[in-house]
Amino acid sequence: ISLGLVGSEMCIRDRDKLKIITGLIVIALFYACAPVYFPNKVNAPMINKAGDYNVEATMGVTGFDVQTAYSPIEKLGVMVNFSTYDGSDHFHSFFEGGLGYYEPLGSKGLFEIYGGYGYGNSKTTTEGIFGTTNKGNYSRYFLQPSIGLITLADEESGVTGSSYFAPRFCYVDFGSENRGYFAEPVVGTRIGWRRIQANLQMGFSVPTSELRIDHAPFIFNFGLSYVFKK
């Protein structure tokens, strides 16, 4: 009986040790993950007239973003975006442009759809037992519909605001077998005066196909917008 109890205790201890070792391996692998695709802020300009343009500068979990949009003629939009981050363990730089179509929905609603192409490079290094470095240049194609609401709260003071839902769909290509599709739905809001507005955006980046690209799963940005209305 004593031998049986001793054997049982040894088995329990061995299982505890195995759980601890397994947990440490999982933690090490988690921190060894070195994402190289960092989704930039989704540019949903909410322009609704020819001659309108806006410029946004924001900070977020993926770095610093500058985004511009302009409508040269009625119902046509043009956008140019830049995103960058330079830290001790991560660097990325990304530039893209796109064209779009917008359609007012009643007096306050707006539908828009943009598509375009971007190019960037990224490098991430992690430390620890399983420390690693991932880097590469990549291309990205995107299609981005959005629907929103533009409101003017106070005609005299010019206080205004807008909110939108924009699901962006991307094809990211690092070359070789490192390519795949992402769905990146976000919600956002702007509030302020006719010229200067504060803006906030949050969402997710979710792979929709099997891929070998480590990526950042969240989109979160806040900053300022300068809006010019014709």
C-alpha atoms as a PDB file:
ATOM      1  CA  ILE A   1       0.000   0.000   0.000  1.00  0.00           C
ATOM      2  CA  SER A   2       2.818   2.413   0.940  1.00  0.00           C
ATOM      3  CA  LEU A   3       4.555   1.763  -2.352  1.00  0.00           C
ATOM      4  CA  GLY A   4       1.304   2.461  -4.178  1.00  0.00           C
ATOM      5  CA  LEU A   5       0.818   5.783  -2.385  1.00  0.00           C
ATOM      6  CA  VAL A   6       4.409   6.804  -3.061  1.00  0.00           C
ATOM      7  CA  GLY A   7       3.960   5.909  -6.723  1.00  0.00           C
ATOM      8  CA  SER A   8       0.749   7.954  -6.939  1.00  0.00           C
ATOM      9  CA  GLU A   9       2.437  10.974  -5.358  1.00  0.00           C
ATOM     10  CA  MET A  10       5.319  10.708  -7.819  1.00  0.00           C
ATOM     11  CA  CYS A  11       2.859  10.580 -10.741  1.00  0.00           C
ATOM     12  CA  ILE A  12       1.064  13.689  -9.433  1.00  0.00           C
ATOM     13  CA  ARG A  13       4.369  15.520  -9.069  1.00  0.00           C
ATOM     14  CA  ASP A  14       5.424  14.484 -12.569  1.00  0.00           C
ATOM     15  CA  ARG A  15       2.107  15.775 -13.995  1.00  0.00           C
ATOM     16  CA  ASP A  16       2.568  19.084 -12.142  1.00  0.00           C
ATOM     17  CA  LYS A  17       6.072  19.411 -13.508  1.00  0.00           C
ATOM     18  CA  LEU A  18       4.804  18.645 -17.013  1.00  0.00           C
ATOM     19  CA  LYS A  19       2.112  21.317 -16.692  1.00  0.00           C
ATOM     20  CA  ILE A  20       4.665  23.883 -15.532  1.00  0.00           C
ATOM     21  CA  ILE A  21       7.074  23.033 -18.350  1.00  0.00           C
ATOM     22  CA  THR A  22       4.246  23.142 -20.911  1.00  0.00           C
ATOM     23  CA  GLY A  23       3.094  26.510 -19.572  1.00  0.00           C
ATOM     24  CA  LEU A  24       6.596  27.945 -19.803  1.00  0.00           C
ATOM     25  CA  ILE A  25       6.943  26.732 -23.386  1.00  0.00           C
ATOM     26  CA  VAL A  26       3.604  28.329 -24.345  1.00  0.00           C
ATOM     27  CA  ILE A  27       4.615  31.622 -22.706  1.00  0.00           C
ATOM     28  CA  ALA A  28       7.998  31.571 -24.407  1.00  0.00           C
ATOM     29  CA  LEU A  29       6.445  30.868 -27.799  1.00  0.00           C
ATOM     30  CA  PHE A  30       3.894  33.638 -27.265  1.00  0.00           C
ATOM     31  CA  TYR A  31       6.565  36.232 -26.520  1.00  0.00           C
ATOM     32  CA  ALA A  32       8.712  34.896 -29.339  1.00  0.00           C
ATOM     33  CA  CYS A  33       6.014  35.838 -31.847  1.00  0.00           C
ATOM     34  CA  ALA A  34       7.378  38.712 -33.952  1.00  0.00           C
ATOM     35  CA  PRO A  35       4.602  40.361 -35.991  1.00  0.00           C
ATOM     36  CA  VAL A  36       5.650  41.959 -39.290  1.00  0.00           C
ATOM     37  CA  TYR A  37       2.246  43.108 -40.559  1.00  0.00           C
ATOM     38  CA  PHE A  38       0.893  46.090 -38.643  1.00  0.00           C
ATOM     39  CA  PRO A  39      -2.419  47.369 -40.107  1.00  0.00           C
ATOM     40  CA  ASN A  40      -2.569  51.135 -40.471  1.00  0.00           C
ATOM     41  CA  LYS A  41      -5.563  53.284 -39.584  1.00  0.00           C
ATOM     42  CA  VAL A  42      -8.496  52.876 -41.974  1.00  0.00           C
ATOM     43  CA  ASN A  43      -8.966  56.141 -43.891  1.00  0.00           C
ATOM     44  CA  ALA A  44     -12.741  56.710 -44.026  1.00  0.00           C
ATOM     45  CA  PRO A  45     -12.785  60.401 -45.061  1.00  0.00           C
ATOM     46  CA  MET A  46     -16.572  60.887 -45.194  1.00  0.00           C
ATOM     47  CA  ILE A  47     -16.199  63.509 -47.946  1.00  0.00           C
ATOM     48  CA  ASN A  48     -19.533  64.343 -49.562  1.00  0.00           C
ATOM     49  CA  LYS A  49     -18.914  67.277 -51.949  1.00  0.00           C
ATOM     50  CA  ALA A  50     -16.510  68.174 -54.760  1.00  0.00           C
ATOM     51  CA  GLY A  51     -13.706  70.408 -53.506  1.00  0.00           C
ATOM     52  CA  ASP A  52     -13.744  69.017 -49.942  1.00  0.00           C
ATOM     53  CA  TYR A  53     -10.583  67.623 -48.386  1.00  0.00           C
ATOM     54  CA  ASN A  54      -9.282  66.591 -44.999  1.00  0.00           C
ATOM     55  CA  VAL A  55      -5.945  65.798 -43.368  1.00  0.00           C
ATOM     56  CA  GLU A  56      -5.598  63.592 -40.279  1.00  0.00           C
ATOM     57  CA  ALA A  57      -2.666  62.934 -37.955  1.00  0.00           C
ATOM     58  CA  THR A  58      -3.113  60.171 -35.380  1.00  0.00           C
ATOM     59  CA  MET A  59      -1.191  57.979 -32.964  1.00  0.00           C
ATOM     60  CA  GLY A  60      -2.119  54.390 -32.228  1.00  0.00           C
ATOM     61  CA  VAL A  61      -1.012  50.861 -31.404  1.00  0.00           C
ATOM     62  CA  THR A  62       0.629  50.571 -34.835  1.00  0.00           C
ATOM     63  CA  GLY A  63       2.433  53.907 -34.780  1.00  0.00           C
ATOM     64  CA  PHE A  64       1.976  57.333 -36.348  1.00  0.00           C
ATOM     65  CA  ASP A  65      -0.423  57.843 -39.260  1.00  0.00           C
ATOM     66  CA  VAL A  66      -0.920  60.754 -41.660  1.00  0.00           C
ATOM     67  CA  GLN A  67      -3.936  60.434 -43.966  1.00  0.00           C
ATOM     68  CA  THR A  68      -5.328  62.771 -46.616  1.00  0.00           C
ATOM     69  CA  ALA A  69      -8.383  62.699 -48.869  1.00  0.00           C
ATOM     70  CA  TYR A  70      -9.707  65.029 -51.569  1.00  0.00           C
ATOM     71  CA  SER A  71     -12.666  65.140 -53.945  1.00  0.00           C
ATOM     72  CA  PRO A  72     -11.596  66.729 -57.278  1.00  0.00           C
ATOM     73  CA  ILE A  73     -15.012  66.220 -58.878  1.00  0.00           C
ATOM     74  CA  GLU A  74     -18.442  65.238 -57.621  1.00  0.00           C
ATOM     75  CA  LYS A  75     -18.629  61.672 -56.234  1.00  0.00           C
ATOM     76  CA  LEU A  76     -14.910  60.928 -56.787  1.00  0.00           C
ATOM     77  CA  GLY A  77     -12.446  60.692 -53.908  1.00  0.00           C
ATOM     78  CA  VAL A  78      -8.650  60.384 -53.848  1.00  0.00           C
ATOM     79  CA  MET A  79      -6.669  59.333 -50.774  1.00  0.00           C
ATOM     80  CA  VAL A  80      -2.992  59.138 -49.822  1.00  0.00           C
ATOM     81  CA  ASN A  81      -1.878  57.524 -46.533  1.00  0.00           C
ATOM     82  CA  PHE A  82       1.412  57.093 -44.679  1.00  0.00           C
ATOM     83  CA  SER A  83       2.135  55.080 -41.524  1.00  0.00           C
ATOM     84  CA  THR A  84       5.378  54.631 -39.602  1.00  0.00           C
ATOM     85  CA  TYR A  85       6.833  53.460 -36.295  1.00  0.00           C
ATOM     86  CA  ASP A  86      10.460  53.345 -35.151  1.00  0.00           C
ATOM     87  CA  GLY A  87      11.178  51.672 -31.808  1.00  0.00           C
ATOM     88  CA  SER A  88      13.886  49.618 -30.140  1.00  0.00           C
ATOM     89  CA  ASP A  89      12.327  46.274 -31.129  1.00  0.00           C
ATOM     90  CA  HIS A  90      10.161  47.212 -34.088  1.00  0.00           C
ATOM     91  CA  PHE A  91      10.227  49.362 -37.209  1.00  0.00           C
ATOM     92  CA  HIS A  92       7.757  49.744 -40.040  1.00  0.00           C
ATOM     93  CA  SER A  93       7.013  52.195 -42.820  1.00  0.00           C
ATOM     94  CA  PHE A  94       4.009  52.012 -45.133  1.00  0.00           C
ATOM     95  CA  PHE A  95       2.687  54.193 -47.971  1.00  0.00           C
ATOM     96  CA  GLU A  96      -0.524  53.743 -49.978  1.00  0.00           C
ATOM     97  CA  GLY A  97      -2.921  55.507 -52.314  1.00  0.00           C
ATOM     98  CA  GLY A  98      -6.457  54.864 -53.466  1.00  0.00           C
ATOM     99  CA  LEU A  99      -9.466  56.031 -55.440  1.00  0.00           C
ATOM    100  CA  GLY A 100     -13.099  55.918 -54.370  1.00  0.00           C
ATOM    101  CA  TYR A 101     -16.706  56.713 -55.022  1.00  0.00           C
ATOM    102  CA  TYR A 102     -19.130  58.320 -52.576  1.00  0.00           C
ATOM    103  CA  GLU A 103     -22.897  58.711 -52.551  1.00  0.00           C
ATOM    104  CA  PRO A 104     -24.916  60.830 -50.091  1.00  0.00           C
ATOM    105  CA  LEU A 105     -27.774  58.999 -48.396  1.00  0.00           C
ATOM    106  CA  GLY A 106     -30.445  61.559 -47.614  1.00  0.00           C
ATOM    107  CA  SER A 107     -29.364  64.757 -45.854  1.00  0.00           C
ATOM    108  CA  LYS A 108     -27.014  63.182 -43.278  1.00  0.00           C
ATOM    109  CA  GLY A 109     -25.991  59.709 -44.418  1.00  0.00           C
ATOM    110  CA  LEU A 110     -23.101  58.766 -46.699  1.00  0.00           C
ATOM    111  CA  PHE A 111     -21.883  55.630 -48.469  1.00  0.00           C
ATOM    112  CA  GLU A 112     -18.353  55.428 -49.828  1.00  0.00           C
ATOM    113  CA  ILE A 113     -16.102  52.742 -51.255  1.00  0.00           C
ATOM    114  CA  TYR A 114     -12.349  53.019 -51.835  1.00  0.00           C
ATOM    115  CA  GLY A 115      -9.777  50.685 -53.272  1.00  0.00           C
ATOM    116  CA  GLY A 116      -6.035  50.958 -53.725  1.00  0.00           C
ATOM    117  CA  TYR A 117      -2.509  49.701 -53.328  1.00  0.00           C
ATOM    118  CA  GLY A 118       0.249  50.184 -50.764  1.00  0.00           C
ATOM    119  CA  TYR A 119       3.867  49.184 -50.195  1.00  0.00           C
ATOM    120  CA  GLY A 120       5.850  48.921 -46.977  1.00  0.00           C
ATOM    121  CA  ASN A 121       8.638  47.273 -45.016  1.00  0.00           C
ATOM    122  CA  SER A 122       8.791  45.993 -41.473  1.00  0.00           C
ATOM    123  CA  LYS A 123      11.187  44.440 -38.950  1.00  0.00           C
ATOM    124  CA  THR A 124      10.437  43.072 -35.475  1.00  0.00           C
ATOM    125  CA  THR A 125      12.857  41.488 -32.986  1.00  0.00           C
ATOM    126  CA  THR A 126      11.950  39.621 -29.795  1.00  0.00           C
ATOM    127  CA  GLU A 127      14.254  38.515 -26.993  1.00  0.00           C
ATOM    128  CA  GLY A 128      14.239  35.473 -24.724  1.00  0.00           C
ATOM    129  CA  ILE A 129      14.836  31.759 -25.051  1.00  0.00           C
ATOM    130  CA  PHE A 130      13.060  31.631 -28.402  1.00  0.00           C
ATOM    131  CA  GLY A 131      13.923  35.185 -29.491  1.00  0.00           C
ATOM    132  CA  THR A 132      13.612  35.766 -33.212  1.00  0.00           C
ATOM    133  CA  THR A 133      13.654  38.444 -35.908  1.00  0.00           C
ATOM    134  CA  ASN A 134      11.072  38.768 -38.663  1.00  0.00           C
ATOM    135  CA  LYS A 135      11.419  41.293 -41.470  1.00  0.00           C
ATOM    136  CA  GLY A 136      10.383  41.856 -45.037  1.00  0.00           C
ATOM    137  CA  ASN A 137       8.931  44.104 -47.712  1.00  0.00           C
ATOM    138  CA  TYR A 138       5.287  43.709 -48.591  1.00  0.00           C
ATOM    139  CA  SER A 139       2.554  44.847 -50.944  1.00  0.00           C
ATOM    140  CA  ARG A 140      -1.073  45.318 -49.959  1.00  0.00           C
ATOM    141  CA  TYR A 141      -4.236  45.663 -52.035  1.00  0.00           C
ATOM    142  CA  PHE A 142      -7.380  46.839 -50.284  1.00  0.00           C
ATOM    143  CA  LEU A 143     -11.095  47.316 -50.852  1.00  0.00           C
ATOM    144  CA  GLN A 144     -12.932  49.403 -48.288  1.00  0.00           C
ATOM    145  CA  PRO A 145     -16.679  50.164 -48.213  1.00  0.00           C
ATOM    146  CA  SER A 146     -18.033  52.315 -45.406  1.00  0.00           C
ATOM    147  CA  ILE A 147     -21.282  53.851 -44.283  1.00  0.00           C
ATOM    148  CA  GLY A 148     -21.633  56.802 -41.949  1.00  0.00           C
ATOM    149  CA  LEU A 149     -23.635  59.647 -40.545  1.00  0.00           C
ATOM    150  CA  ILE A 150     -22.658  63.332 -40.653  1.00  0.00           C
ATOM    151  CA  THR A 151     -24.400  65.694 -38.240  1.00  0.00           C
ATOM    152  CA  LEU A 152     -24.263  69.434 -37.597  1.00  0.00           C
ATOM    153  CA  ALA A 153     -25.096  69.935 -33.935  1.00  0.00           C
ATOM    154  CA  ASP A 154     -24.956  73.737 -33.848  1.00  0.00           C
ATOM    155  CA  GLU A 155     -25.215  75.906 -36.979  1.00  0.00           C
ATOM    156  CA  GLU A 156     -24.037  79.085 -35.221  1.00  0.00           C
ATOM    157  CA  SER A 157     -20.896  77.684 -33.574  1.00  0.00           C
ATOM    158  CA  GLY A 158     -20.173  75.147 -36.289  1.00  0.00           C
ATOM    159  CA  VAL A 159     -19.914  72.192 -33.915  1.00  0.00           C
ATOM    160  CA  THR A 160     -20.154  69.055 -36.026  1.00  0.00           C
ATOM    161  CA  GLY A 161     -19.516  65.334 -35.850  1.00  0.00           C
ATOM    162  CA  SER A 162     -19.548  62.120 -37.828  1.00  0.00           C
ATOM    163  CA  SER A 163     -19.487  58.396 -37.138  1.00  0.00           C
ATOM    164  CA  TYR A 164     -18.905  55.460 -39.464  1.00  0.00           C
ATOM    165  CA  PHE A 165     -18.472  51.723 -39.881  1.00  0.00           C
ATOM    166  CA  ALA A 166     -15.796  50.645 -42.368  1.00  0.00           C
ATOM    167  CA  PRO A 167     -14.856  47.006 -43.034  1.00  0.00           C
ATOM    168  CA  ARG A 168     -11.568  46.943 -44.967  1.00  0.00           C
ATOM    169  CA  PHE A 169     -10.580  43.800 -46.904  1.00  0.00           C
ATOM    170  CA  CYS A 170      -6.881  43.335 -47.722  1.00  0.00           C
ATOM    171  CA  TYR A 171      -4.555  41.043 -49.602  1.00  0.00           C
ATOM    172  CA  VAL A 172      -1.075  41.220 -48.036  1.00  0.00           C
ATOM    173  CA  ASP A 173       1.910  39.777 -49.925  1.00  0.00           C
ATOM    174  CA  PHE A 174       5.371  39.354 -48.380  1.00  0.00           C
ATOM    175  CA  GLY A 175       6.472  37.111 -51.241  1.00  0.00           C
ATOM    176  CA  SER A 176       7.071  33.356 -51.402  1.00  0.00           C
ATOM    177  CA  GLU A 177       4.328  31.681 -49.310  1.00  0.00           C
ATOM    178  CA  ASN A 178       3.950  34.611 -46.904  1.00  0.00           C
ATOM    179  CA  ARG A 179       0.740  36.067 -48.247  1.00  0.00           C
ATOM    180  CA  GLY A 180      -2.887  36.054 -47.219  1.00  0.00           C
ATOM    181  CA  TYR A 181      -6.217  37.835 -46.808  1.00  0.00           C
ATOM    182  CA  PHE A 182      -7.353  39.972 -43.884  1.00  0.00           C
ATOM    183  CA  ALA A 183     -10.701  41.400 -42.811  1.00  0.00           C
ATOM    184  CA  GLU A 184     -10.256  44.634 -40.855  1.00  0.00           C
ATOM    185  CA  PRO A 185     -13.581  46.067 -39.606  1.00  0.00           C
ATOM    186  CA  VAL A 186     -13.420  49.348 -37.677  1.00  0.00           C
ATOM    187  CA  VAL A 187     -15.777  51.896 -36.156  1.00  0.00           C
ATOM    188  CA  GLY A 188     -14.827  55.535 -35.785  1.00  0.00           C
ATOM    189  CA  THR A 189     -16.038  58.965 -34.819  1.00  0.00           C
ATOM    190  CA  ARG A 190     -15.022  62.604 -35.328  1.00  0.00           C
ATOM    191  CA  ILE A 191     -16.280  65.527 -33.304  1.00  0.00           C
ATOM    192  CA  GLY A 192     -15.312  69.189 -33.189  1.00  0.00           C
ATOM    193  CA  TRP A 193     -15.731  72.287 -35.312  1.00  0.00           C
ATOM    194  CA  ARG A 194     -15.921  72.676 -39.069  1.00  0.00           C
ATOM    195  CA  ARG A 195     -12.141  72.925 -39.399  1.00  0.00           C
ATOM    196  CA  ILE A 196     -10.574  71.041 -36.461  1.00  0.00           C
ATOM    197  CA  GLN A 197     -11.973  67.780 -35.135  1.00  0.00           C
ATOM    198  CA  ALA A 198     -10.815  65.087 -32.709  1.00  0.00           C
ATOM    199  CA  ASN A 199     -11.088  61.571 -34.073  1.00  0.00           C
ATOM    200  CA  LEU A 200     -11.050  58.071 -32.632  1.00  0.00           C
ATOM    201  CA  GLN A 201     -11.018  54.691 -34.389  1.00  0.00           C
ATOM    202  CA  MET A 202     -10.907  51.098 -33.137  1.00  0.00           C
ATOM    203  CA  GLY A 203     -11.222  47.675 -34.709  1.00  0.00           C
ATOM    204  CA  PHE A 204      -9.559  44.342 -35.486  1.00  0.00           C
ATOM    205  CA  SER A 205      -7.334  42.725 -38.084  1.00  0.00           C
ATOM    206  CA  VAL A 206      -8.447  39.133 -38.659  1.00  0.00           C
ATOM    207  CA  PRO A 207      -6.830  36.693 -41.139  1.00  0.00           C
ATOM    208  CA  THR A 208      -9.389  34.951 -43.338  1.00  0.00           C
ATOM    209  CA  SER A 209      -7.037  32.364 -44.824  1.00  0.00           C
ATOM    210  CA  GLU A 210      -4.211  30.146 -43.629  1.00  0.00           C
ATOM    211  CA  LEU A 211      -0.977  32.111 -43.715  1.00  0.00           C
ATOM    212  CA  ARG A 212       2.497  32.354 -42.249  1.00  0.00           C
ATOM    213  CA  ILE A 213       2.403  36.064 -41.472  1.00  0.00           C
ATOM    214  CA  ASP A 214       2.626  37.167 -37.839  1.00  0.00           C
ATOM    215  CA  HIS A 215       0.436  40.242 -37.465  1.00  0.00           C
ATOM    216  CA  ALA A 216      -0.865  42.768 -34.936  1.00  0.00           C
ATOM    217  CA  PRO A 217      -4.540  41.940 -34.235  1.00  0.00           C
ATOM    218  CA  PHE A 218      -5.827  45.365 -33.100  1.00  0.00           C
ATOM    219  CA  ILE A 219      -6.449  48.743 -34.723  1.00  0.00           C
ATOM    220  CA  PHE A 220      -6.694  51.698 -32.361  1.00  0.00           C
ATOM    221  CA  ASN A 221      -5.927  55.325 -33.252  1.00  0.00           C
ATOM    222  CA  PHE A 222      -6.723  58.775 -31.934  1.00  0.00           C
ATOM    223  CA  GLY A 223      -5.713  62.247 -33.103  1.00  0.00           C
ATOM    224  CA  LEU A 224      -6.803  65.396 -34.928  1.00  0.00           C
ATOM    225  CA  SER A 225      -8.391  66.137 -38.292  1.00  0.00           C
ATOM    226  CA  TYR A 226      -8.300  69.314 -40.346  1.00  0.00           C
ATOM    227  CA  VAL A 227     -11.396  69.475 -42.523  1.00  0.00           C
ATOM    228  CA  PHE A 228     -11.941  71.905 -45.389  1.00  0.00           C
ATOM    229  CA  LYS A 229     -15.429  72.266 -46.825  1.00  0.00           C
ATOM    230  CA  LYS A 230     -15.840  74.035 -50.145  1.00  0.00           C
END
